[in-house]
């Protein structure tokens, strides 16, 4: 079986290579490769944020039009403002002037350390249109911030959709390998520990292009990490047919190893000081 070496891989000892199962193995997609449910949840969440941001545009247009012909008015006003994340302030006000009652919500970005003083304003050409000076004074900032957020959320939606398409291709490749002997290797990776998840990101080829992909798992399903000469590697497997590395998980569910094979391999990794 000829396997082309992947550049910059760490050379493993013969003892480790021989401890790896030599029989025909079948690659299996794992949840750590990127779960569809998690991606769909993120996409739905971003769609909701985009819709919420777009919801601000009619209110911004309303305040902008009043601001073109605004005059102070002696209106009764009730309401409150709440600041989140130190800089995002959301206000809900109700203004009453003569027979006109207007409920108005608006959000703006700014440092607000206490009470916010407001002045009721009216459209000089239409007494039924009421707002407050804070909403009018921040109308351009609100517009720019809202457009920027909408653009950011839309970008993230397309990013996650593209990532999900990529993950689907990877899973399809995994399932197409069939059952055959696999090559064990140690590939360069960036590894971080975040929210009890160990995340390994590495480079691989897809459709002739180098892409960044990753695998994540908790302690019991984490990638097997090695350190050598200040560089970080993870154990991976590849088939002779594809020569594409897939991160090997600690319990070796990726290759559907038997309990005896897992125990023997782990024992050798411990002897070599890898785990």
Foldseek 3Di string as FASTA:
>chain_A
DDFDDDPPFDDDDPLLQVLADQFWFAFADDVQQPHPVVLVVLLVVLVVVLVVLVVQVVLLVLLQQLLVQKDFDPWDKDWDWDDDPQFKIKIWMWTDDDPAIDIGIHIAGGHDDDDDDWTKIARPVDRNRIDTPVSNVCSVRSVVVSVVSSVVSVVVSVVSVVVVVVSVVVNVVSNVPPIGGKGKTKFFWDWDQDPQKIKTWDWWDDPRDIDIGIGIDHPQFGFQWADDPNTIITMWIDDRVPSTTDTATLQRVRRPDDPVSSVSSVVSCVVVVSD
